[in-house]
Amino acid sequence: MTGETIATIGFLIVALIEGYNGLSLAFRTRRTLESAGIVHAEGPGLLVQEFGVYSLGIAAAYCIAAWDPIRFGAIGAVGIAINLGAAAMHLLRSVGVYFGDTSPVLSRGFERNAGLVHVLALLLLFLGQHEMDC
């Protein structure tokens, strides 16, 4: 299997993850929040819906990168940066580390699982980037 094929598969997998999360957040905001044990309110609901739209945009970018991973490899580098930041944020919150004046909303287990999903995406993106460099 070539590096380009591995990168394409990796991009498609992270596109599916981001797309699923984006659809859940953008179009099923109330249900998604309530399944996490959070009361749906208009302000936070709109913010979560906006995050869902961003996730759909990221999924579309990964699909473009999957189409031609060598030409659009920079999307992978940006994806690595996004997932690195998100993984760090979720994993730190899973152990009780918060920044600024924020307070816990989600359970530590939920934060840990969200962080691990970002770590999985990171591994797939790193693998794809490494294979393209070889």
C-alpha atoms as a PDB file:
ATOM      1  CA  MET A   1       0.000   0.000   0.000  1.00  0.00           C
ATOM      2  CA  THR A   2       1.434   3.385  -0.953  1.00  0.00           C
ATOM      3  CA  GLY A   3       1.812   6.342   1.373  1.00  0.00           C
ATOM      4  CA  GLU A   4      -0.767   8.236  -0.648  1.00  0.00           C
ATOM      5  CA  THR A   5      -3.309   5.434  -0.183  1.00  0.00           C
ATOM      6  CA  ILE A   6      -2.696   5.325   3.569  1.00  0.00           C
ATOM      7  CA  ALA A   7      -3.067   9.115   3.748  1.00  0.00           C
ATOM      8  CA  THR A   8      -6.327   8.950   1.760  1.00  0.00           C
ATOM      9  CA  ILE A   9      -7.733   6.317   4.107  1.00  0.00           C
ATOM     10  CA  GLY A  10      -6.648   8.339   7.161  1.00  0.00           C
ATOM     11  CA  PHE A  11      -8.248  11.524   5.812  1.00  0.00           C
ATOM     12  CA  LEU A  12     -11.483   9.670   5.077  1.00  0.00           C
ATOM     13  CA  ILE A  13     -11.597   8.208   8.593  1.00  0.00           C
ATOM     14  CA  VAL A  14     -11.082  11.579  10.301  1.00  0.00           C
ATOM     15  CA  ALA A  15     -13.598  13.122   7.857  1.00  0.00           C
ATOM     16  CA  LEU A  16     -16.165  10.538   8.998  1.00  0.00           C
ATOM     17  CA  ILE A  17     -15.444  11.275  12.674  1.00  0.00           C
ATOM     18  CA  GLU A  18     -15.691  15.056  12.190  1.00  0.00           C
ATOM     19  CA  GLY A  19     -18.738  14.707   9.941  1.00  0.00           C
ATOM     20  CA  TYR A  20     -20.599  12.540  12.452  1.00  0.00           C
ATOM     21  CA  ASN A  21     -19.773  14.939  15.290  1.00  0.00           C
ATOM     22  CA  GLY A  22     -20.685  17.931  13.147  1.00  0.00           C
ATOM     23  CA  LEU A  23     -24.063  16.500  12.149  1.00  0.00           C
ATOM     24  CA  SER A  24     -24.832  15.620  15.773  1.00  0.00           C
ATOM     25  CA  LEU A  25     -23.893  19.067  17.039  1.00  0.00           C
ATOM     26  CA  ALA A  26     -25.369  21.139  14.216  1.00  0.00           C
ATOM     27  CA  PHE A  27     -28.665  19.358  13.634  1.00  0.00           C
ATOM     28  CA  ARG A  28     -29.390  17.521  16.903  1.00  0.00           C
ATOM     29  CA  THR A  29     -28.094  20.058  19.406  1.00  0.00           C
ATOM     30  CA  ARG A  30     -30.758  19.528  22.071  1.00  0.00           C
ATOM     31  CA  ARG A  31     -30.465  15.734  21.945  1.00  0.00           C
ATOM     32  CA  THR A  32     -26.651  15.846  21.912  1.00  0.00           C
ATOM     33  CA  LEU A  33     -26.479  18.151  24.942  1.00  0.00           C
ATOM     34  CA  GLU A  34     -29.064  16.170  26.885  1.00  0.00           C
ATOM     35  CA  SER A  35     -27.235  12.894  26.150  1.00  0.00           C
ATOM     36  CA  ALA A  36     -24.156  14.465  27.778  1.00  0.00           C
ATOM     37  CA  GLY A  37     -26.227  15.434  30.823  1.00  0.00           C
ATOM     38  CA  ILE A  38     -26.336  19.146  29.967  1.00  0.00           C
ATOM     39  CA  VAL A  39     -29.550  21.160  29.994  1.00  0.00           C
ATOM     40  CA  HIS A  40     -30.240  22.661  26.583  1.00  0.00           C
ATOM     41  CA  ALA A  41     -30.509  26.443  26.689  1.00  0.00           C
ATOM     42  CA  GLU A  42     -30.624  28.808  23.750  1.00  0.00           C
ATOM     43  CA  GLY A  43     -27.219  30.461  24.325  1.00  0.00           C
ATOM     44  CA  PRO A  44     -25.123  27.303  24.788  1.00  0.00           C
ATOM     45  CA  GLY A  45     -27.256  25.489  22.232  1.00  0.00           C
ATOM     46  CA  LEU A  46     -26.440  28.054  19.565  1.00  0.00           C
ATOM     47  CA  LEU A  47     -22.746  27.883  20.425  1.00  0.00           C
ATOM     48  CA  VAL A  48     -22.717  24.084  20.203  1.00  0.00           C
ATOM     49  CA  GLN A  49     -24.560  24.284  16.889  1.00  0.00           C
ATOM     50  CA  GLU A  50     -21.877  26.657  15.604  1.00  0.00           C
ATOM     51  CA  PHE A  51     -19.167  24.172  16.643  1.00  0.00           C
ATOM     52  CA  GLY A  52     -21.067  21.561  14.648  1.00  0.00           C
ATOM     53  CA  VAL A  53     -20.911  23.727  11.540  1.00  0.00           C
ATOM     54  CA  TYR A  54     -17.147  24.135  12.072  1.00  0.00           C
ATOM     55  CA  SER A  55     -16.807  20.341  12.365  1.00  0.00           C
ATOM     56  CA  LEU A  56     -18.675  19.912   9.079  1.00  0.00           C
ATOM     57  CA  GLY A  57     -16.275  22.375   7.457  1.00  0.00           C
ATOM     58  CA  ILE A  58     -13.290  20.454   8.815  1.00  0.00           C
ATOM     59  CA  ALA A  59     -14.808  17.188   7.531  1.00  0.00           C
ATOM     60  CA  ALA A  60     -15.186  18.740   4.065  1.00  0.00           C
ATOM     61  CA  ALA A  61     -11.541  19.862   4.151  1.00  0.00           C
ATOM     62  CA  TYR A  62     -10.441  16.319   5.043  1.00  0.00           C
ATOM     63  CA  CYS A  63     -12.483  14.966   2.111  1.00  0.00           C
ATOM     64  CA  ILE A  64     -10.685  17.390  -0.217  1.00  0.00           C
ATOM     65  CA  ALA A  65      -7.350  16.259   1.229  1.00  0.00           C
ATOM     66  CA  ALA A  66      -8.342  12.605   0.722  1.00  0.00           C
ATOM     67  CA  TRP A  67      -8.999  13.313  -2.947  1.00  0.00           C
ATOM     68  CA  ASP A  68      -5.368  14.373  -3.504  1.00  0.00           C
ATOM     69  CA  PRO A  69      -3.339  14.001  -0.279  1.00  0.00           C
ATOM     70  CA  ILE A  70      -0.034  15.091  -1.808  1.00  0.00           C
ATOM     71  CA  ARG A  71      -1.436  18.288  -3.273  1.00  0.00           C
ATOM     72  CA  PHE A  72      -3.588  19.094  -0.235  1.00  0.00           C
ATOM     73  CA  GLY A  73      -1.280  17.742   2.480  1.00  0.00           C
ATOM     74  CA  ALA A  74      -1.225  21.097   4.263  1.00  0.00           C
ATOM     75  CA  ILE A  75      -4.811  20.385   5.326  1.00  0.00           C
ATOM     76  CA  GLY A  76      -3.373  17.480   7.312  1.00  0.00           C
ATOM     77  CA  ALA A  77      -0.934  19.821   9.062  1.00  0.00           C
ATOM     78  CA  VAL A  78      -3.789  22.151  10.013  1.00  0.00           C
ATOM     79  CA  GLY A  79      -5.843  19.146  11.135  1.00  0.00           C
ATOM     80  CA  ILE A  80      -2.956  18.057  13.354  1.00  0.00           C
ATOM     81  CA  ALA A  81      -2.848  21.503  14.964  1.00  0.00           C
ATOM     82  CA  ILE A  82      -6.623  21.571  15.542  1.00  0.00           C
ATOM     83  CA  ASN A  83      -6.745  18.055  16.996  1.00  0.00           C
ATOM     84  CA  LEU A  84      -3.646  18.616  19.136  1.00  0.00           C
ATOM     85  CA  GLY A  85      -5.236  21.662  20.748  1.00  0.00           C
ATOM     86  CA  ALA A  86      -8.605  19.954  21.219  1.00  0.00           C
ATOM     87  CA  ALA A  87      -7.032  16.767  22.615  1.00  0.00           C
ATOM     88  CA  ALA A  88      -4.957  18.750  25.103  1.00  0.00           C
ATOM     89  CA  MET A  89      -7.985  20.788  26.203  1.00  0.00           C
ATOM     90  CA  HIS A  90     -10.228  17.752  26.741  1.00  0.00           C
ATOM     91  CA  LEU A  91      -7.560  15.617  28.415  1.00  0.00           C
ATOM     92  CA  LEU A  92      -6.560  18.446  30.770  1.00  0.00           C
ATOM     93  CA  ARG A  93     -10.193  19.011  31.718  1.00  0.00           C
ATOM     94  CA  SER A  94     -10.565  15.260  32.295  1.00  0.00           C
ATOM     95  CA  VAL A  95      -8.044  15.591  35.140  1.00  0.00           C
ATOM     96  CA  GLY A  96      -9.572  18.816  36.497  1.00  0.00           C
ATOM     97  CA  VAL A  97      -7.312  21.424  34.846  1.00  0.00           C
ATOM     98  CA  TYR A  98      -9.296  24.411  33.545  1.00  0.00           C
ATOM     99  CA  PHE A  99      -8.069  27.707  32.097  1.00  0.00           C
ATOM    100  CA  GLY A 100      -9.424  31.168  32.725  1.00  0.00           C
ATOM    101  CA  ASP A 101     -12.726  31.560  34.505  1.00  0.00           C
ATOM    102  CA  THR A 102     -14.411  28.468  33.087  1.00  0.00           C
ATOM    103  CA  SER A 103     -16.007  25.792  35.223  1.00  0.00           C
ATOM    104  CA  PRO A 104     -16.793  22.099  34.675  1.00  0.00           C
ATOM    105  CA  VAL A 105     -19.834  21.367  32.534  1.00  0.00           C
ATOM    106  CA  LEU A 106     -19.136  17.867  31.230  1.00  0.00           C
ATOM    107  CA  SER A 107     -18.111  14.848  33.267  1.00  0.00           C
ATOM    108  CA  ARG A 108     -14.447  13.911  33.464  1.00  0.00           C
ATOM    109  CA  GLY A 109     -15.226  10.653  31.660  1.00  0.00           C
ATOM    110  CA  PHE A 110     -16.882  12.524  28.788  1.00  0.00           C
ATOM    111  CA  GLU A 111     -13.882  14.875  28.546  1.00  0.00           C
ATOM    112  CA  ARG A 112     -11.489  11.895  28.562  1.00  0.00           C
ATOM    113  CA  ASN A 113     -13.401  10.135  25.796  1.00  0.00           C
ATOM    114  CA  ALA A 114     -13.561  13.313  23.692  1.00  0.00           C
ATOM    115  CA  GLY A 115      -9.806  13.762  24.169  1.00  0.00           C
ATOM    116  CA  LEU A 116      -9.140  10.183  23.103  1.00  0.00           C
ATOM    117  CA  VAL A 117     -11.156  10.679  19.901  1.00  0.00           C
ATOM    118  CA  HIS A 118      -8.906  13.651  19.092  1.00  0.00           C
ATOM    119  CA  VAL A 119      -5.827  11.539  19.873  1.00  0.00           C
ATOM    120  CA  LEU A 120      -7.096   8.909  17.417  1.00  0.00           C
ATOM    121  CA  ALA A 121      -7.534  11.593  14.759  1.00  0.00           C
ATOM    122  CA  LEU A 122      -4.008  12.834  15.528  1.00  0.00           C
ATOM    123  CA  LEU A 123      -2.565   9.357  15.079  1.00  0.00           C
ATOM    124  CA  LEU A 124      -4.326   8.931  11.738  1.00  0.00           C
ATOM    125  CA  LEU A 125      -3.176  12.352  10.544  1.00  0.00           C
ATOM    126  CA  PHE A 126       0.417  11.784  11.717  1.00  0.00           C
ATOM    127  CA  LEU A 127       0.443   8.409   9.980  1.00  0.00           C
ATOM    128  CA  GLY A 128      -0.846   9.958   6.765  1.00  0.00           C
ATOM    129  CA  GLN A 129       1.657  12.820   6.890  1.00  0.00           C
ATOM    130  CA  HIS A 130       4.523  10.424   7.655  1.00  0.00           C
ATOM    131  CA  GLU A 131       3.584   8.092   4.817  1.00  0.00           C
ATOM    132  CA  MET A 132       3.449  10.980   2.347  1.00  0.00           C
ATOM    133  CA  ASP A 133       6.913  12.136   3.447  1.00  0.00           C
ATOM    134  CA  CYS A 134       8.397   8.672   2.839  1.00  0.00           C
END
